[in-house]
C-alpha cells in the first residue's frame, strides 16, 4: 500500500493505492483503494482485518478493507496522529 498526495505545498487530502513490490505499472493505474478529500494520512499499518490509516489533521483512525470499504474506528485525543506502533496484541 502507498499513500499519495499530489500537492507538496498544501495538502488536499490523501489517496491510497494498492500495489505490489517491484511493479512497473504507474501508481495511478494500479487501483485506488481509498481517498479522503479532507484527511491527511501520515501512517499505514496492515492488519488481518484491514489496513489502518491514521490521519494527522483530525486525529482519526480508519480501517480500510480490501474492497475499499472503510470505517472510522477511533478518534485520538490529539489532533495530530503521526505514527502507528505494532504490538504483540495488535496496533
PDB file of N, CA and C in Angstrom:
ATOM      1  N   UNK A   1       0.835  -1.169   0.000  1.00  0.00           N
ATOM      2  CA  UNK A   1       0.000   0.000   0.000  1.00  0.00           C
ATOM      3  C   UNK A   1       0.881   1.233   0.000  1.00  0.00           C
ATOM      4  N   UNK A   2       0.369   2.269  -0.612  1.00  0.00           N
ATOM      5  CA  UNK A   2       1.105   3.517  -0.640  1.00  0.00           C
ATOM      6  C   UNK A   2       0.123   4.662  -0.594  1.00  0.00           C
ATOM      7  N   UNK A   3       0.405   5.647   0.238  1.00  0.00           N
ATOM      8  CA  UNK A   3      -0.414   6.851   0.303  1.00  0.00           C
ATOM      9  C   UNK A   3       0.217   7.891  -0.606  1.00  0.00           C
ATOM     10  N   UNK A   4      -0.609   8.635  -1.313  1.00  0.00           N
ATOM     11  CA  UNK A   4      -0.097   9.635  -2.244  1.00  0.00           C
ATOM     12  C   UNK A   4      -0.863  10.936  -2.080  1.00  0.00           C
ATOM     13  N   UNK A   5      -0.187  12.030  -2.296  1.00  0.00           N
ATOM     14  CA  UNK A   5      -0.791  13.353  -2.266  1.00  0.00           C
ATOM     15  C   UNK A   5      -0.137  14.158  -3.378  1.00  0.00           C
ATOM     16  N   UNK A   6      -0.933  14.763  -4.238  1.00  0.00           N
ATOM     17  CA  UNK A   6      -0.407  15.468  -5.403  1.00  0.00           C
ATOM     18  C   UNK A   6       0.271  16.780  -5.037  1.00  0.00           C
ATOM     19  N   UNK A   7      -0.103  17.379  -3.937  1.00  0.00           N
ATOM     20  CA  UNK A   7       0.423  18.685  -3.572  1.00  0.00           C
ATOM     21  C   UNK A   7       1.520  18.561  -2.526  1.00  0.00           C
ATOM     22  N   UNK A   8       2.633  19.236  -2.749  1.00  0.00           N
ATOM     23  CA  UNK A   8       3.691  19.246  -1.749  1.00  0.00           C
ATOM     24  C   UNK A   8       3.608  20.492  -0.880  1.00  0.00           C
ATOM     25  N   UNK A   9       2.939  21.535  -1.340  1.00  0.00           N
ATOM     26  CA  UNK A   9       2.845  22.773  -0.579  1.00  0.00           C
ATOM     27  C   UNK A   9       1.643  22.769   0.361  1.00  0.00           C
ATOM     28  N   UNK A  10       0.486  22.468  -0.162  1.00  0.00           N
ATOM     29  CA  UNK A  10      -0.742  22.447   0.627  1.00  0.00           C
ATOM     30  C   UNK A  10      -1.429  21.104   0.473  1.00  0.00           C
ATOM     31  N   UNK A  11      -1.457  20.312   1.524  1.00  0.00           N
ATOM     32  CA  UNK A  11      -2.138  19.020   1.420  1.00  0.00           C
ATOM     33  C   UNK A  11      -3.613  19.196   1.090  1.00  0.00           C
ATOM     34  N   UNK A  12      -4.126  18.373   0.196  1.00  0.00           N
ATOM     35  CA  UNK A  12      -5.528  18.456  -0.205  1.00  0.00           C
ATOM     36  C   UNK A  12      -6.200  17.096  -0.111  1.00  0.00           C
ATOM     37  N   UNK A  13      -5.862  16.352   0.919  1.00  0.00           N
ATOM     38  CA  UNK A  13      -6.422  15.027   1.071  1.00  0.00           C
ATOM     39  C   UNK A  13      -5.395  13.963   0.737  1.00  0.00           C
ATOM     40  N   UNK A  14      -5.842  12.732   0.802  1.00  0.00           N
ATOM     41  CA  UNK A  14      -4.944  11.604   0.577  1.00  0.00           C
ATOM     42  C   UNK A  14      -5.625  10.559  -0.272  1.00  0.00           C
ATOM     43  N   UNK A  15      -4.853   9.900  -1.115  1.00  0.00           N
ATOM     44  CA  UNK A  15      -5.314   8.747  -1.880  1.00  0.00           C
ATOM     45  C   UNK A  15      -4.411   7.581  -1.519  1.00  0.00           C
ATOM     46  N   UNK A  16      -5.001   6.407  -1.311  1.00  0.00           N
ATOM     47  CA  UNK A  16      -4.232   5.203  -1.000  1.00  0.00           C
ATOM     48  C   UNK A  16      -4.437   4.224  -2.142  1.00  0.00           C
ATOM     49  N   UNK A  17      -3.323   3.736  -2.693  1.00  0.00           N
ATOM     50  CA  UNK A  17      -3.346   2.827  -3.829  1.00  0.00           C
ATOM     51  C   UNK A  17      -2.829   1.457  -3.428  1.00  0.00           C
ATOM     52  N   UNK A  18      -3.415   0.421  -3.986  1.00  0.00           N
ATOM     53  CA  UNK A  18      -2.916  -0.943  -3.802  1.00  0.00           C
ATOM     54  C   UNK A  18      -1.808  -1.169  -4.813  1.00  0.00           C
ATOM     55  N   UNK A  19      -0.727  -1.794  -4.381  1.00  0.00           N
ATOM     56  CA  UNK A  19       0.364  -2.085  -5.299  1.00  0.00           C
ATOM     57  C   UNK A  19       1.070  -3.360  -4.860  1.00  0.00           C
ATOM     58  N   UNK A  20       1.937  -3.833  -5.719  1.00  0.00           N
ATOM     59  CA  UNK A  20       2.756  -4.995  -5.404  1.00  0.00           C
ATOM     60  C   UNK A  20       4.215  -4.573  -5.503  1.00  0.00           C
ATOM     61  N   UNK A  21       5.100  -5.266  -4.793  1.00  0.00           N
ATOM     62  CA  UNK A  21       6.519  -4.892  -4.870  1.00  0.00           C
ATOM     63  C   UNK A  21       7.049  -4.988  -6.299  1.00  0.00           C
ATOM     64  N   UNK A  22       7.879  -4.058  -6.659  1.00  0.00           N
ATOM     65  CA  UNK A  22       8.586  -4.042  -7.942  1.00  0.00           C
ATOM     66  C   UNK A  22       7.644  -3.949  -9.149  1.00  0.00           C
ATOM     67  N   UNK A  23       6.477  -3.384  -8.960  1.00  0.00           N
ATOM     68  CA  UNK A  23       5.538  -3.240 -10.066  1.00  0.00           C
ATOM     69  C   UNK A  23       6.040  -2.183 -11.038  1.00  0.00           C
ATOM     70  N   UNK A  24       5.911  -2.457 -12.320  1.00  0.00           N
ATOM     71  CA  UNK A  24       6.305  -1.496 -13.347  1.00  0.00           C
ATOM     72  C   UNK A  24       5.116  -0.652 -13.814  1.00  0.00           C
ATOM     73  N   UNK A  25       3.932  -0.943 -13.286  1.00  0.00           N
ATOM     74  CA  UNK A  25       2.734  -0.191 -13.645  1.00  0.00           C
ATOM     75  C   UNK A  25       2.736   1.116 -12.862  1.00  0.00           C
ATOM     76  N   UNK A  26       2.499   2.260 -13.518  1.00  0.00           N
ATOM     77  CA  UNK A  26       2.470   3.543 -12.804  1.00  0.00           C
ATOM     78  C   UNK A  26       1.462   3.518 -11.656  1.00  0.00           C
ATOM     79  N   UNK A  27       1.797   4.214 -10.576  1.00  0.00           N
ATOM     80  CA  UNK A  27       0.998   4.209  -9.348  1.00  0.00           C
ATOM     81  C   UNK A  27      -0.474   4.487  -9.596  1.00  0.00           C
ATOM     82  N   UNK A  28      -0.811   5.498 -10.353  1.00  0.00           N
ATOM     83  CA  UNK A  28      -2.209   5.877 -10.557  1.00  0.00           C
ATOM     84  C   UNK A  28      -2.995   4.853 -11.376  1.00  0.00           C
ATOM     85  N   UNK A  29      -2.324   3.887 -11.997  1.00  0.00           N
ATOM     86  CA  UNK A  29      -3.026   2.865 -12.781  1.00  0.00           C
ATOM     87  C   UNK A  29      -3.156   1.547 -12.024  1.00  0.00           C
ATOM     88  N   UNK A  30      -2.668   1.489 -10.791  1.00  0.00           N
ATOM     89  CA  UNK A  30      -2.711   0.248 -10.021  1.00  0.00           C
ATOM     90  C   UNK A  30      -4.028   0.041  -9.298  1.00  0.00           C
ATOM     91  N   UNK A  31      -4.795   1.050  -9.117  1.00  0.00           N
ATOM     92  CA  UNK A  31      -6.075   0.912  -8.448  1.00  0.00           C
ATOM     93  C   UNK A  31      -6.134   1.668  -7.138  1.00  0.00           C
ATOM     94  N   UNK A  32      -6.978   2.680  -7.103  1.00  0.00           N
ATOM     95  CA  UNK A  32      -7.145   3.459  -5.895  1.00  0.00           C
ATOM     96  C   UNK A  32      -7.971   2.647  -4.906  1.00  0.00           C
ATOM     97  N   UNK A  33      -7.460   2.479  -3.715  1.00  0.00           N
ATOM     98  CA  UNK A  33      -8.152   1.736  -2.683  1.00  0.00           C
ATOM     99  C   UNK A  33      -9.069   2.640  -1.872  1.00  0.00           C
ATOM    100  N   UNK A  34      -8.596   3.833  -1.557  1.00  0.00           N
ATOM    101  CA  UNK A  34      -9.354   4.757  -0.701  1.00  0.00           C
ATOM    102  C   UNK A  34      -8.908   6.175  -0.977  1.00  0.00           C
ATOM    103  N   UNK A  35      -9.817   7.127  -0.822  1.00  0.00           N
ATOM    104  CA  UNK A  35      -9.471   8.544  -0.947  1.00  0.00           C
ATOM    105  C   UNK A  35     -10.221   9.333   0.104  1.00  0.00           C
ATOM    106  N   UNK A  36      -9.541  10.263   0.729  1.00  0.00           N
ATOM    107  CA  UNK A  36     -10.154  11.163   1.705  1.00  0.00           C
ATOM    108  C   UNK A  36      -9.806  12.589   1.349  1.00  0.00           C
ATOM    109  N   UNK A  37     -10.784  13.350   0.928  1.00  0.00           N
ATOM    110  CA  UNK A  37     -10.537  14.732   0.498  1.00  0.00           C
ATOM    111  C   UNK A  37     -10.064  15.624   1.647  1.00  0.00           C
ATOM    112  N   UNK A  38     -10.588  15.372   2.848  1.00  0.00           N
ATOM    113  CA  UNK A  38     -10.248  16.218   3.993  1.00  0.00           C
ATOM    114  C   UNK A  38      -9.278  15.557   4.973  1.00  0.00           C
ATOM    115  N   UNK A  39      -8.807  14.376   4.658  1.00  0.00           N
ATOM    116  CA  UNK A  39      -7.930  13.635   5.558  1.00  0.00           C
ATOM    117  C   UNK A  39      -6.508  13.594   5.008  1.00  0.00           C
ATOM    118  N   UNK A  40      -5.537  13.858   5.863  1.00  0.00           N
ATOM    119  CA  UNK A  40      -4.134  13.732   5.506  1.00  0.00           C
ATOM    120  C   UNK A  40      -3.602  12.521   6.272  1.00  0.00           C
ATOM    121  N   UNK A  41      -3.339  11.430   5.562  1.00  0.00           N
ATOM    122  CA  UNK A  41      -2.885  10.195   6.199  1.00  0.00           C
ATOM    123  C   UNK A  41      -1.370  10.246   6.369  1.00  0.00           C
ATOM    124  N   UNK A  42      -0.919  10.016   7.611  1.00  0.00           N
ATOM    125  CA  UNK A  42       0.506  10.041   7.921  1.00  0.00           C
ATOM    126  C   UNK A  42       1.091   8.655   8.154  1.00  0.00           C
ATOM    127  N   UNK A  43       0.247   7.662   8.453  1.00  0.00           N
ATOM    128  CA  UNK A  43       0.781   6.328   8.714  1.00  0.00           C
ATOM    129  C   UNK A  43      -0.220   5.266   8.296  1.00  0.00           C
ATOM    130  N   UNK A  44       0.312   4.131   7.826  1.00  0.00           N
ATOM    131  CA  UNK A  44      -0.490   2.980   7.442  1.00  0.00           C
ATOM    132  C   UNK A  44       0.034   1.752   8.177  1.00  0.00           C
ATOM    133  N   UNK A  45      -0.871   0.841   8.511  1.00  0.00           N
ATOM    134  CA  UNK A  45      -0.475  -0.436   9.113  1.00  0.00           C
ATOM    135  C   UNK A  45      -1.391  -1.523   8.584  1.00  0.00           C
ATOM    136  N   UNK A  46      -0.798  -2.595   8.070  1.00  0.00           N
ATOM    137  CA  UNK A  46      -1.585  -3.721   7.557  1.00  0.00           C
ATOM    138  C   UNK A  46      -1.927  -4.656   8.707  1.00  0.00           C
ATOM    139  N   UNK A  47      -3.194  -5.058   8.770  1.00  0.00           N
ATOM    140  CA  UNK A  47      -3.692  -5.996   9.775  1.00  0.00           C
ATOM    141  C   UNK A  47      -4.548  -7.030   9.067  1.00  0.00           C
ATOM    142  N   UNK A  48      -4.795  -8.173   9.701  1.00  0.00           N
ATOM    143  CA  UNK A  48      -5.638  -9.190   9.068  1.00  0.00           C
ATOM    144  C   UNK A  48      -7.056  -8.696   8.758  1.00  0.00           C
ATOM    145  N   UNK A  49      -7.569  -7.764   9.566  1.00  0.00           N
ATOM    146  CA  UNK A  49      -8.929  -7.263   9.353  1.00  0.00           C
ATOM    147  C   UNK A  49      -8.986  -6.018   8.475  1.00  0.00           C
ATOM    148  N   UNK A  50      -7.876  -5.627   7.897  1.00  0.00           N
ATOM    149  CA  UNK A  50      -7.846  -4.476   7.002  1.00  0.00           C
ATOM    150  C   UNK A  50      -6.661  -3.573   7.277  1.00  0.00           C
ATOM    151  N   UNK A  51      -6.549  -2.569   6.474  1.00  0.00           N
ATOM    152  CA  UNK A  51      -5.485  -1.580   6.592  1.00  0.00           C
ATOM    153  C   UNK A  51      -5.917  -0.505   7.572  1.00  0.00           C
ATOM    154  N   UNK A  52      -5.033  -0.118   8.497  1.00  0.00           N
ATOM    155  CA  UNK A  52      -5.313   1.013   9.372  1.00  0.00           C
ATOM    156  C   UNK A  52      -4.610   2.238   8.816  1.00  0.00           C
ATOM    157  N   UNK A  53      -5.317   3.346   8.778  1.00  0.00           N
ATOM    158  CA  UNK A  53      -4.755   4.614   8.317  1.00  0.00           C
ATOM    159  C   UNK A  53      -5.012   5.647   9.399  1.00  0.00           C
ATOM    160  N   UNK A  54      -3.968   6.346   9.809  1.00  0.00           N
ATOM    161  CA  UNK A  54      -4.117   7.370  10.844  1.00  0.00           C
ATOM    162  C   UNK A  54      -3.955   8.738  10.196  1.00  0.00           C
ATOM    163  N   UNK A  55      -4.909   9.613  10.467  1.00  0.00           N
ATOM    164  CA  UNK A  55      -4.874  10.945   9.866  1.00  0.00           C
ATOM    165  C   UNK A  55      -4.297  11.936  10.862  1.00  0.00           C
ATOM    166  N   UNK A  56      -3.520  12.847  10.324  1.00  0.00           N
ATOM    167  CA  UNK A  56      -2.842  13.806  11.181  1.00  0.00           C
ATOM    168  C   UNK A  56      -3.599  15.084  11.418  1.00  0.00           C
ATOM    169  N   UNK A  57      -4.539  15.407  10.559  1.00  0.00           N
ATOM    170  CA  UNK A  57      -5.197  16.696  10.706  1.00  0.00           C
ATOM    171  C   UNK A  57      -6.447  16.652  11.570  1.00  0.00           C
ATOM    172  N   UNK A  58      -7.010  15.480  11.814  1.00  0.00           N
ATOM    173  CA  UNK A  58      -8.215  15.402  12.647  1.00  0.00           C
ATOM    174  C   UNK A  58      -8.134  14.289  13.682  1.00  0.00           C
ATOM    175  N   UNK A  59      -7.016  13.613  13.763  1.00  0.00           N
ATOM    176  CA  UNK A  59      -6.827  12.585  14.763  1.00  0.00           C
ATOM    177  C   UNK A  59      -7.744  11.389  14.623  1.00  0.00           C
ATOM    178  N   UNK A  60      -8.019  10.990  13.412  1.00  0.00           N
ATOM    179  CA  UNK A  60      -8.905   9.850  13.169  1.00  0.00           C
ATOM    180  C   UNK A  60      -8.106   8.625  12.749  1.00  0.00           C
ATOM    181  N   UNK A  61      -8.661   7.447  13.074  1.00  0.00           N
ATOM    182  CA  UNK A  61      -8.088   6.183  12.630  1.00  0.00           C
ATOM    183  C   UNK A  61      -9.162   5.465  11.819  1.00  0.00           C
ATOM    184  N   UNK A  62      -8.812   5.133  10.578  1.00  0.00           N
ATOM    185  CA  UNK A  62      -9.730   4.439   9.680  1.00  0.00           C
ATOM    186  C   UNK A  62      -9.266   3.006   9.473  1.00  0.00           C
ATOM    187  N   UNK A  63     -10.211   2.070   9.379  1.00  0.00           N
ATOM    188  CA  UNK A  63      -9.910   0.702   8.945  1.00  0.00           C
ATOM    189  C   UNK A  63     -10.458   0.586   7.529  1.00  0.00           C
ATOM    190  N   UNK A  64      -9.597   0.197   6.593  1.00  0.00           N
ATOM    191  CA  UNK A  64      -9.960   0.129   5.183  1.00  0.00           C
ATOM    192  C   UNK A  64      -9.865  -1.325   4.729  1.00  0.00           C
ATOM    193  N   UNK A  65     -10.953  -1.851   4.211  1.00  0.00           N
ATOM    194  CA  UNK A  65     -10.992  -3.235   3.725  1.00  0.00           C
ATOM    195  C   UNK A  65     -10.379  -3.331   2.333  1.00  0.00           C
ATOM    196  N   UNK A  66     -10.099  -4.552   1.895  1.00  0.00           N
ATOM    197  CA  UNK A  66      -9.506  -4.774   0.568  1.00  0.00           C
ATOM    198  C   UNK A  66     -10.369  -4.239  -0.565  1.00  0.00           C
ATOM    199  N   UNK A  67     -11.692  -4.184  -0.352  1.00  0.00           N
ATOM    200  CA  UNK A  67     -12.597  -3.698  -1.399  1.00  0.00           C
ATOM    201  C   UNK A  67     -12.797  -2.181  -1.348  1.00  0.00           C
ATOM    202  N   UNK A  68     -12.107  -1.495  -0.430  1.00  0.00           N
ATOM    203  CA  UNK A  68     -12.204  -0.044  -0.320  1.00  0.00           C
ATOM    204  C   UNK A  68     -13.215   0.441   0.692  1.00  0.00           C
ATOM    205  N   UNK A  69     -14.051  -0.450   1.226  1.00  0.00           N
ATOM    206  CA  UNK A  69     -14.989  -0.053   2.278  1.00  0.00           C
ATOM    207  C   UNK A  69     -14.178   0.364   3.506  1.00  0.00           C
ATOM    208  N   UNK A  70     -14.648   1.389   4.214  1.00  0.00           N
ATOM    209  CA  UNK A  70     -13.883   1.860   5.360  1.00  0.00           C
ATOM    210  C   UNK A  70     -14.802   2.232   6.513  1.00  0.00           C
ATOM    211  N   UNK A  71     -14.200   2.270   7.687  1.00  0.00           N
ATOM    212  CA  UNK A  71     -14.919   2.673   8.897  1.00  0.00           C
ATOM    213  C   UNK A  71     -14.010   3.568   9.717  1.00  0.00           C
ATOM    214  N   UNK A  72     -14.587   4.574  10.319  1.00  0.00           N
ATOM    215  CA  UNK A  72     -13.888   5.465  11.241  1.00  0.00           C
ATOM    216  C   UNK A  72     -13.903   4.747  12.592  1.00  0.00           C
ATOM    217  N   UNK A  73     -12.778   4.125  12.988  1.00  0.00           N
ATOM    218  CA  UNK A  73     -12.777   3.233  14.149  1.00  0.00           C
ATOM    219  C   UNK A  73     -12.260   3.860  15.439  1.00  0.00           C
ATOM    220  N   UNK A  74     -11.601   5.004  15.352  1.00  0.00           N
ATOM    221  CA  UNK A  74     -11.092   5.631  16.581  1.00  0.00           C
ATOM    222  C   UNK A  74     -10.826   7.111  16.337  1.00  0.00           C
ATOM    223  N   UNK A  75     -10.890   7.856  17.412  1.00  0.00           N
ATOM    224  CA  UNK A  75     -10.536   9.276  17.393  1.00  0.00           C
ATOM    225  C   UNK A  75      -9.488   9.494  18.472  1.00  0.00           C
ATOM    226  N   UNK A  76      -8.410  10.155  18.123  1.00  0.00           N
ATOM    227  CA  UNK A  76      -7.336  10.421  19.068  1.00  0.00           C
ATOM    228  C   UNK A  76      -7.648  11.659  19.894  1.00  0.00           C
ATOM    229  N   UNK A  77      -7.084  11.713  21.095  1.00  0.00           N
ATOM    230  CA  UNK A  77      -7.212  12.929  21.908  1.00  0.00           C
ATOM    231  C   UNK A  77      -6.485  14.090  21.238  1.00  0.00           C
ATOM    232  N   UNK A  78      -5.359  13.771  20.623  1.00  0.00           N
ATOM    233  CA  UNK A  78      -4.579  14.788  19.917  1.00  0.00           C
ATOM    234  C   UNK A  78      -5.101  14.946  18.493  1.00  0.00           C
ATOM    235  N   UNK A  79      -4.993  16.123  17.946  1.00  0.00           N
ATOM    236  CA  UNK A  79      -5.405  16.375  16.569  1.00  0.00           C
ATOM    237  C   UNK A  79      -4.404  15.824  15.562  1.00  0.00           C
ATOM    238  N   UNK A  80      -3.149  15.642  15.969  1.00  0.00           N
ATOM    239  CA  UNK A  80      -2.103  15.190  15.060  1.00  0.00           C
ATOM    240  C   UNK A  80      -1.731  13.740  15.347  1.00  0.00           C
ATOM    241  N   UNK A  81      -2.181  12.825  14.517  1.00  0.00           N
ATOM    242  CA  UNK A  81      -1.748  11.434  14.598  1.00  0.00           C
ATOM    243  C   UNK A  81      -0.654  11.227  13.571  1.00  0.00           C
ATOM    244  N   UNK A  82       0.548  10.895  14.004  1.00  0.00           N
ATOM    245  CA  UNK A  82       1.674  10.831  13.072  1.00  0.00           C
ATOM    246  C   UNK A  82       2.220   9.434  12.825  1.00  0.00           C
ATOM    247  N   UNK A  83       1.966   8.482  13.726  1.00  0.00           N
ATOM    248  CA  UNK A  83       2.527   7.152  13.515  1.00  0.00           C
ATOM    249  C   UNK A  83       1.710   6.098  14.256  1.00  0.00           C
ATOM    250  N   UNK A  84       1.928   4.850  13.848  1.00  0.00           N
ATOM    251  CA  UNK A  84       1.313   3.687  14.485  1.00  0.00           C
ATOM    252  C   UNK A  84       2.436   2.762  14.921  1.00  0.00           C
ATOM    253  N   UNK A  85       2.249   2.087  16.047  1.00  0.00           N
ATOM    254  CA  UNK A  85       3.233   1.106  16.511  1.00  0.00           C
ATOM    255  C   UNK A  85       2.574  -0.254  16.584  1.00  0.00           C
ATOM    256  N   UNK A  86       3.283  -1.266  16.123  1.00  0.00           N
ATOM    257  CA  UNK A  86       2.762  -2.625  16.143  1.00  0.00           C
ATOM    258  C   UNK A  86       3.172  -3.290  17.455  1.00  0.00           C
ATOM    259  N   UNK A  87       2.180  -3.875  18.137  1.00  0.00           N
ATOM    260  CA  UNK A  87       2.423  -4.598  19.379  1.00  0.00           C
ATOM    261  C   UNK A  87       2.014  -6.043  19.195  1.00  0.00           C
ATOM    262  N   UNK A  88       2.377  -6.908  20.137  1.00  0.00           N
ATOM    263  CA  UNK A  88       2.023  -8.320  20.023  1.00  0.00           C
ATOM    264  C   UNK A  88       0.528  -8.545  19.929  1.00  0.00           C
ATOM    265  N   UNK A  89      -0.253  -7.747  20.642  1.00  0.00           N
ATOM    266  CA  UNK A  89      -1.700  -7.919  20.674  1.00  0.00           C
ATOM    267  C   UNK A  89      -2.429  -7.006  19.688  1.00  0.00           C
ATOM    268  N   UNK A  90      -1.728  -6.407  18.770  1.00  0.00           N
ATOM    269  CA  UNK A  90      -2.359  -5.556  17.755  1.00  0.00           C
ATOM    270  C   UNK A  90      -1.584  -4.277  17.547  1.00  0.00           C
ATOM    271  N   UNK A  91      -2.280  -3.280  16.990  1.00  0.00           N
ATOM    272  CA  UNK A  91      -1.654  -1.987  16.713  1.00  0.00           C
ATOM    273  C   UNK A  91      -2.166  -0.975  17.706  1.00  0.00           C
TER     274      UNK A  91
END
